[in-house]
Amino acid sequence: MTHVSRTPALVSLNQTSFQFANGETIFDALNLTYDHQSTAIVGRNGVGKSVLARLIAGQLQPTAGTVIHYATAHYVAQSFVATPGQTVDEATGTASTLAALERLNLGSASVDDFDLIGERWDLPERLRQSLDEAGLEHITAADLTENLSGGQQARIALIGALLSNAQLLVLDEPTNHLDKAGRAWLMNRLEQWRGGLIVVSHDRQLLEQMQRIVELTPSGTNVFSGRYSQFVEQRQTQRDAAQAQLDQARSERQRERSRLQREHDTIQRHAAGSRRNAQTANVSGFERAALKAAARDIMGQVKTGHQTRKSDLDARVREAYAKVLPDDGVLINLPGSVVPSTRQVCTLKDDSCHGWPPMRWHPA
């Protein structure tokens, strides 16, 4: 589905496809345009939401098609990876500018420092204010991120995005590691954000703030202009209608199969009677063989016709089933690992848990 924007585009995907190294295509020939409307990317787990977010942010390159960026983007991943020795100002992307401002205060600035500073003369105050508002009053720009909790690291990464000069923020599950206060802080900051915003999230409160919903499915995308609650209501209406059509197709198939079976039994009895009559009839052997052959031909034609009808009924059920929207899957966040990505640690084949559908696994 192609979405035509009425406001200047920030990112445009044109016939964009992405394929994993093992050859699996996660999505194919997407055509999407993102503008200043805040947008949520939703869909079942494993459908490729994070991959799409990284493509939009320029973190990945498409296997086919193009992703055209008309604005700078800042991407925040699901989990913060603390580098040993990394400071808060480095994690927020403010270290070089803060250092240039410090050299300027000491009277040792160079021409390059003025380029680093640009219009960000108040960056120290803005960073301090952002840390305080995020509930990180005791944290300084020189603190090491490896010493912070997961929730604190998540807020540091989000502060870096909000203080960046990016025109588009791409946030992947930004509330995953935030407590109630952290989520309230983020919601407030995003309400004040005036640039483009794309979020991948399962957080219904965050999703409700978005102006547009892009649902990623195995068959493509569905774009809905409106709040998430309206999208859910519309999707439920579609799901109910599709389920009703499936139920009707299944009922029709069952009725028709019963009718065909009765018809088959009736014709089979008549054919058997014809063969018996032919066996006892006072006719020549040639005529007797012809009568038996005619009975067999009739049964063959009936079986062929019935099989065609059954195949048609099965196709209708499959078509109706394909239109039924699946329920949302179960999200399981697994911790990171230091095991090399090329090392096989286990093999899962047709796995399922009681009451759950078979699982599909994709690397983060």
Protein backbone atom coordinates (compact mmCIF):
# COMPACT_ATOMS: atom_id res chain seq x y z
CA MET A 1 0.00 0.00 0.00
CA THR A 2 1.37 3.40 -0.95
CA HIS A 3 0.86 6.27 1.43
CA VAL A 4 0.78 9.73 -0.13
CA SER A 5 1.76 12.50 2.28
CA ARG A 6 0.37 16.04 2.21
CA THR A 7 3.31 17.46 4.15
CA PRO A 8 7.02 17.45 3.23
CA ALA A 9 8.47 13.97 3.36
CA LEU A 10 11.23 13.15 5.83
CA VAL A 11 11.85 9.59 4.61
CA SER A 12 10.58 7.76 1.56
CA LEU A 13 10.69 4.00 0.96
CA ASN A 14 10.36 2.99 -2.67
CA GLN A 15 9.88 -0.70 -3.54
CA THR A 16 11.98 -1.45 -0.47
CA SER A 17 12.78 -5.05 0.40
CA PHE A 18 14.95 -6.65 3.04
CA GLN A 19 16.33 -10.16 3.15
CA PHE A 20 18.27 -11.88 5.92
CA ALA A 21 21.59 -13.57 5.24
CA ASN A 22 19.85 -16.97 5.30
CA GLY A 23 17.68 -15.87 2.37
CA GLU A 24 14.48 -15.23 4.31
CA THR A 25 12.67 -12.13 3.04
CA ILE A 26 11.18 -10.16 5.94
CA PHE A 27 9.21 -7.81 3.71
CA ASP A 28 9.07 -7.05 0.02
CA ALA A 29 8.44 -3.99 -2.19
CA LEU A 30 7.26 -1.58 0.50
CA ASN A 31 6.19 1.91 -0.56
CA LEU A 32 5.88 4.30 2.38
CA THR A 33 6.38 7.98 3.10
CA TYR A 34 6.95 9.41 6.56
CA ASP A 35 6.44 13.09 7.32
CA HIS A 36 6.05 15.19 10.48
CA GLN A 37 3.00 13.22 11.60
CA SER A 38 3.93 11.16 14.63
CA THR A 39 3.69 7.54 13.52
CA ALA A 40 3.63 4.18 15.26
CA ILE A 41 4.84 1.00 13.58
CA VAL A 42 2.87 -1.98 14.89
CA GLY A 43 2.52 -5.61 13.95
CA ARG A 44 3.04 -9.15 15.15
CA ASN A 45 6.37 -10.11 16.72
CA GLY A 46 8.89 -11.23 14.14
CA VAL A 47 7.20 -9.40 11.26
CA GLY A 48 10.14 -6.97 10.90
CA LYS A 49 9.20 -3.80 12.81
CA SER A 50 12.70 -3.22 14.21
CA VAL A 51 14.25 -3.94 10.82
CA LEU A 52 11.94 -1.37 9.23
CA ALA A 53 12.82 1.18 11.93
CA ARG A 54 16.53 0.67 11.32
CA LEU A 55 16.05 1.05 7.58
CA ILE A 56 14.16 4.31 8.12
CA ALA A 57 16.94 5.59 10.39
CA GLY A 58 19.69 4.59 7.97
CA GLN A 59 21.06 1.90 10.30
CA LEU A 60 20.47 -0.80 7.66
CA GLN A 61 20.51 -0.82 3.89
CA PRO A 62 17.69 -2.44 1.89
CA THR A 63 18.30 -5.58 -0.10
CA ALA A 64 16.34 -4.04 -2.97
CA GLY A 65 14.65 -0.72 -3.64
CA THR A 66 15.62 2.57 -2.04
CA VAL A 67 15.25 4.49 1.21
CA ILE A 68 15.58 8.22 0.57
CA HIS A 69 16.27 10.50 3.55
CA TYR A 70 15.22 14.13 3.26
CA ALA A 71 16.08 14.87 6.90
CA THR A 72 18.57 13.77 9.55
CA ALA A 73 17.38 10.93 11.75
CA HIS A 74 18.37 9.79 15.23
CA TYR A 75 17.77 6.14 16.14
CA VAL A 76 17.36 4.78 19.68
CA ALA A 77 17.58 0.99 19.91
CA GLN A 78 15.50 -1.21 22.20
CA SER A 79 18.40 -1.84 24.58
CA PHE A 80 21.23 0.46 25.56
CA VAL A 81 24.70 -1.06 25.12
CA ALA A 82 27.09 0.51 27.61
CA THR A 83 30.64 0.71 26.29
CA PRO A 84 33.34 0.41 28.99
CA GLY A 85 34.57 3.87 29.89
CA GLN A 86 31.73 5.65 28.10
CA THR A 87 30.54 8.81 29.84
CA VAL A 88 27.07 10.30 29.91
CA ASP A 89 28.05 13.17 27.61
CA GLU A 90 29.49 10.67 25.13
CA ALA A 91 26.34 8.55 25.27
CA THR A 92 24.15 11.62 24.65
CA GLY A 93 26.33 12.80 21.75
CA THR A 94 27.15 16.07 23.52
CA ALA A 95 30.78 15.41 24.52
CA SER A 96 32.49 17.16 21.60
CA THR A 97 30.31 20.27 21.85
CA LEU A 98 30.70 20.46 25.63
CA ALA A 99 34.47 20.12 25.25
CA ALA A 100 34.52 22.91 22.65
CA LEU A 101 32.53 25.17 24.99
CA GLU A 102 34.98 24.39 27.80
CA ARG A 103 37.96 25.30 25.59
CA LEU A 104 36.17 28.51 24.66
CA ASN A 105 35.72 29.36 28.36
CA LEU A 106 39.45 28.72 28.91
CA GLY A 107 40.40 30.92 25.96
CA SER A 108 41.95 28.07 23.95
CA ALA A 109 39.22 27.54 21.34
CA SER A 110 39.99 27.10 17.67
CA VAL A 111 37.97 27.88 14.56
CA ASP A 112 36.86 24.24 14.45
CA ASP A 113 35.40 24.61 17.94
CA PHE A 114 33.02 27.29 16.71
CA ASP A 115 31.84 24.88 14.02
CA LEU A 116 31.27 22.23 16.71
CA ILE A 117 29.29 24.61 18.87
CA GLY A 118 27.14 26.04 16.10
CA GLU A 119 23.99 27.38 17.76
CA ARG A 120 24.28 25.14 20.81
CA TRP A 121 25.69 27.71 23.23
CA ASP A 122 23.26 26.67 25.94
CA LEU A 123 23.93 22.93 25.64
CA PRO A 124 25.36 22.52 29.18
CA GLU A 125 22.23 24.05 30.68
CA ARG A 126 19.94 22.02 28.42
CA LEU A 127 21.72 18.78 29.27
CA ARG A 128 21.52 19.52 32.97
CA GLN A 129 17.84 20.42 32.70
CA SER A 130 17.10 17.27 30.71
CA LEU A 131 18.83 15.07 33.29
CA ASP A 132 16.93 16.74 36.13
CA GLU A 133 13.56 16.43 34.37
CA ALA A 134 14.27 12.75 33.70
CA GLY A 135 14.79 12.12 37.42
CA LEU A 136 18.57 11.87 37.04
CA GLU A 137 19.45 14.83 39.27
CA HIS A 138 22.45 13.07 40.82
CA ILE A 139 23.99 12.10 37.46
CA THR A 140 26.59 14.30 35.76
CA ALA A 141 27.95 14.44 32.23
CA ALA A 142 31.18 12.78 33.40
CA ASP A 143 29.52 9.74 35.00
CA LEU A 144 30.11 6.34 33.42
CA THR A 145 27.07 4.76 31.78
CA GLU A 146 28.22 1.25 32.75
CA ASN A 147 27.51 2.17 36.37
CA LEU A 148 23.89 3.13 35.68
CA SER A 149 20.79 0.96 35.86
CA GLY A 150 18.95 -0.19 32.75
CA GLY A 151 16.22 2.41 33.24
CA GLN A 152 18.78 5.19 33.71
CA GLN A 153 20.66 4.09 30.60
CA ALA A 154 17.41 4.12 28.62
CA ARG A 155 16.69 7.69 29.72
CA ILE A 156 20.24 8.74 28.84
CA ALA A 157 19.79 7.37 25.30
CA LEU A 158 16.46 9.18 24.92
CA ILE A 159 17.96 12.45 26.22
CA GLY A 160 20.64 12.14 23.56
CA ALA A 161 17.96 11.82 20.90
CA LEU A 162 15.98 14.78 22.21
CA LEU A 163 19.08 17.00 22.39
CA SER A 164 20.29 16.04 18.94
CA ASN A 165 19.81 18.26 15.94
CA ALA A 166 17.92 15.46 14.20
CA GLN A 167 14.71 16.31 12.39
CA LEU A 168 13.35 12.78 12.83
CA LEU A 169 13.44 10.53 15.89
CA VAL A 170 13.10 6.77 15.42
CA LEU A 171 12.50 5.07 18.77
CA ASP A 172 12.38 1.28 19.09
CA GLU A 173 10.37 0.19 22.16
CA PRO A 174 11.41 3.33 24.10
CA THR A 175 9.37 2.55 27.24
CA ASN A 176 10.58 -1.04 27.71
CA HIS A 177 13.03 -0.19 30.50
CA LEU A 178 11.24 2.79 32.01
CA ASP A 179 9.31 2.84 35.26
CA LYS A 180 6.07 4.76 35.71
CA ALA A 181 7.87 8.07 36.34
CA GLY A 182 10.19 7.50 33.39
CA ARG A 183 7.28 6.79 31.09
CA ALA A 184 5.47 9.93 32.24
CA TRP A 185 8.63 11.96 31.58
CA LEU A 186 9.00 10.51 28.08
CA MET A 187 5.34 11.06 27.19
CA ASN A 188 5.65 14.71 28.22
CA ARG A 189 8.84 15.24 26.22
CA LEU A 190 7.39 13.63 23.11
CA GLU A 191 4.31 15.84 23.34
CA GLN A 192 6.66 18.84 23.19
CA TRP A 193 8.71 17.42 20.30
CA ARG A 194 8.12 19.33 17.05
CA GLY A 195 10.11 17.17 14.65
CA GLY A 196 9.17 13.93 12.97
CA LEU A 197 8.60 10.94 15.24
CA ILE A 198 8.39 7.22 14.53
CA VAL A 199 8.02 4.70 17.34
CA VAL A 200 7.94 0.92 17.44
CA SER A 201 6.06 -0.03 20.58
CA HIS A 202 3.59 -2.30 22.36
CA ASP A 203 2.86 0.44 24.92
CA ARG A 204 -0.78 1.34 24.32
CA GLN A 205 -0.48 4.65 26.18
CA LEU A 206 2.41 5.69 23.95
CA LEU A 207 0.69 4.39 20.83
CA GLU A 208 -2.39 6.46 21.65
CA GLN A 209 -0.29 9.62 21.36
CA MET A 210 0.58 8.87 17.74
CA GLN A 211 -1.31 10.52 14.89
CA ARG A 212 -0.89 7.67 12.43
CA ILE A 213 -0.51 3.89 12.59
CA VAL A 214 1.48 1.81 10.12
CA GLU A 215 0.71 -1.87 10.57
CA LEU A 216 3.37 -4.16 9.17
CA THR A 217 2.08 -7.58 8.09
CA PRO A 218 3.61 -10.52 6.20
CA SER A 219 1.74 -9.33 3.10
CA GLY A 220 2.70 -5.63 3.31
CA THR A 221 1.51 -2.60 5.23
CA ASN A 222 -1.77 -1.01 6.27
CA VAL A 223 -1.73 2.73 6.95
CA PHE A 224 -4.34 4.19 9.29
CA SER A 225 -4.63 7.93 9.93
CA GLY A 226 -5.93 8.28 13.45
CA ARG A 227 -5.34 7.23 17.04
CA TYR A 228 -4.38 3.73 18.05
CA SER A 229 -7.70 3.05 19.80
CA GLN A 230 -9.53 3.88 16.57
CA PHE A 231 -7.16 1.63 14.64
CA VAL A 232 -7.79 -1.24 17.07
CA GLU A 233 -11.55 -0.76 16.75
CA GLN A 234 -11.36 -0.77 12.96
CA ARG A 235 -9.11 -3.81 12.95
CA GLN A 236 -11.47 -5.67 15.27
CA THR A 237 -14.37 -4.87 12.95
CA GLN A 238 -12.37 -6.22 10.02
CA ARG A 239 -11.35 -9.28 12.03
CA ASP A 240 -14.97 -10.00 13.01
CA ALA A 241 -16.13 -9.66 9.40
CA ALA A 242 -13.33 -11.91 8.15
CA GLN A 243 -14.10 -14.49 10.84
CA ALA A 244 -17.78 -14.42 9.90
CA GLN A 245 -16.86 -15.07 6.25
CA LEU A 246 -14.60 -17.92 7.30
CA ASP A 247 -17.33 -19.47 9.45
CA GLN A 248 -19.77 -19.17 6.57
CA ALA A 249 -17.32 -20.76 4.12
CA ARG A 250 -16.69 -23.64 6.51
CA SER A 251 -20.43 -24.19 7.10
CA GLU A 252 -21.13 -24.12 3.38
CA ARG A 253 -18.33 -26.63 2.79
CA GLN A 254 -19.70 -28.96 5.45
CA ARG A 255 -23.26 -28.77 4.06
CA GLU A 256 -22.08 -29.29 0.51
CA ARG A 257 -19.84 -32.20 1.47
CA SER A 258 -22.84 -33.88 3.14
CA ARG A 259 -25.00 -33.28 0.07
CA LEU A 260 -22.28 -34.60 -2.25
CA GLN A 261 -21.89 -37.71 -0.10
CA ARG A 262 -25.64 -38.40 -0.24
CA GLU A 263 -25.63 -37.85 -3.99
CA HIS A 264 -22.62 -40.13 -4.37
CA ASP A 265 -24.28 -42.90 -2.35
CA THR A 266 -27.52 -42.64 -4.35
CA ILE A 267 -25.78 -42.76 -7.72
CA GLN A 268 -23.53 -45.58 -6.53
CA ARG A 269 -26.59 -47.65 -5.58
CA HIS A 270 -28.17 -46.99 -8.96
CA ALA A 271 -24.94 -47.90 -10.73
CA ALA A 272 -24.65 -51.10 -8.71
CA GLY A 273 -28.24 -51.94 -9.62
CA SER A 274 -27.50 -51.30 -13.29
CA ARG A 275 -24.53 -53.63 -13.16
CA ARG A 276 -26.61 -56.35 -11.52
CA ASN A 277 -29.37 -55.93 -14.12
CA ALA A 278 -26.79 -56.10 -16.87
CA GLN A 279 -25.40 -59.32 -15.41
CA THR A 280 -28.82 -61.03 -15.45
CA ALA A 281 -30.29 -59.37 -18.54
CA ASN A 282 -31.01 -61.49 -21.60
CA VAL A 283 -28.53 -59.65 -23.82
CA SER A 284 -25.38 -60.47 -25.68
CA GLY A 285 -22.02 -60.38 -23.96
CA PHE A 286 -21.07 -57.27 -25.91
CA GLU A 287 -24.20 -55.44 -24.79
CA ARG A 288 -23.72 -56.62 -21.21
CA ALA A 289 -20.15 -55.24 -21.18
CA ALA A 290 -21.38 -51.96 -22.65
CA LEU A 291 -24.01 -51.58 -19.90
CA LYS A 292 -21.41 -52.23 -17.19
CA ALA A 293 -18.98 -49.78 -18.80
CA ALA A 294 -21.68 -47.10 -18.93
CA ALA A 295 -22.33 -47.55 -15.21
CA ARG A 296 -18.62 -47.25 -14.47
CA ASP A 297 -18.36 -44.11 -16.65
CA ILE A 298 -21.23 -42.47 -14.81
CA MET A 299 -19.55 -43.12 -11.44
CA GLY A 300 -16.24 -41.83 -12.78
CA GLN A 301 -17.87 -38.61 -13.97
CA VAL A 302 -19.62 -38.18 -10.62
CA LYS A 303 -16.39 -38.69 -8.68
CA THR A 304 -14.54 -36.20 -10.89
CA GLY A 305 -17.29 -33.61 -10.55
CA HIS A 306 -17.48 -34.09 -6.80
CA GLN A 307 -13.70 -33.78 -6.40
CA THR A 308 -13.70 -30.54 -8.39
CA ARG A 309 -16.49 -29.17 -6.24
CA LYS A 310 -14.69 -30.17 -3.03
CA SER A 311 -11.47 -28.54 -4.23
CA ASP A 312 -13.39 -25.36 -4.97
CA LEU A 313 -14.93 -25.38 -1.49
CA ASP A 314 -11.51 -25.95 0.11
CA ALA A 315 -10.07 -23.03 -1.89
CA ARG A 316 -12.86 -20.75 -0.65
CA VAL A 317 -12.13 -21.70 2.94
CA ARG A 318 -8.40 -21.10 2.48
CA GLU A 319 -9.10 -17.72 0.90
CA ALA A 320 -11.39 -16.74 3.77
CA TYR A 321 -8.87 -18.00 6.33
CA ALA A 322 -6.10 -15.88 4.77
CA LYS A 323 -8.17 -12.76 5.42
CA VAL A 324 -8.58 -13.46 9.14
CA LEU A 325 -6.25 -11.18 11.09
CA PRO A 326 -4.17 -13.25 13.53
CA ASP A 327 -4.13 -12.47 17.22
CA ASP A 328 -1.07 -10.67 18.52
CA GLY A 329 1.74 -13.03 19.39
CA VAL A 330 3.56 -13.41 22.68
CA LEU A 331 6.51 -11.05 23.18
CA ILE A 332 9.55 -12.54 24.91
CA ASN A 333 12.51 -10.22 25.43
CA LEU A 334 15.70 -12.24 25.79
CA PRO A 335 18.82 -10.67 27.34
CA GLY A 336 21.89 -9.93 25.24
CA SER A 337 24.78 -12.36 25.05
CA VAL A 338 28.52 -12.23 24.55
CA VAL A 339 28.39 -15.46 22.51
CA PRO A 340 29.60 -14.80 18.92
CA SER A 341 26.72 -14.44 16.47
CA THR A 342 28.18 -17.20 14.25
CA ARG A 343 28.20 -19.84 17.00
CA GLN A 344 25.23 -22.21 17.14
CA VAL A 345 24.10 -22.76 20.71
CA CYS A 346 20.80 -24.57 20.12
CA THR A 347 18.41 -25.63 17.38
CA LEU A 348 14.65 -25.11 17.62
CA LYS A 349 12.48 -27.05 15.19
CA ASP A 350 8.67 -26.86 15.09
CA ASP A 351 8.67 -25.82 18.74
CA SER A 352 5.52 -25.01 20.62
CA CYS A 353 4.30 -24.66 24.19
CA HIS A 354 0.94 -25.86 25.44
CA GLY A 355 -1.69 -23.47 24.14
CA TRP A 356 0.80 -21.51 22.00
CA PRO A 357 1.28 -21.64 18.24
CA PRO A 358 4.62 -22.84 16.79
CA MET A 359 7.36 -20.28 17.41
CA ARG A 360 9.46 -18.33 14.89
CA TRP A 361 12.74 -16.93 16.03
CA HIS A 362 14.67 -13.99 14.56
CA PRO A 363 17.84 -12.32 15.82
CA ALA A 364 17.39 -8.81 17.23
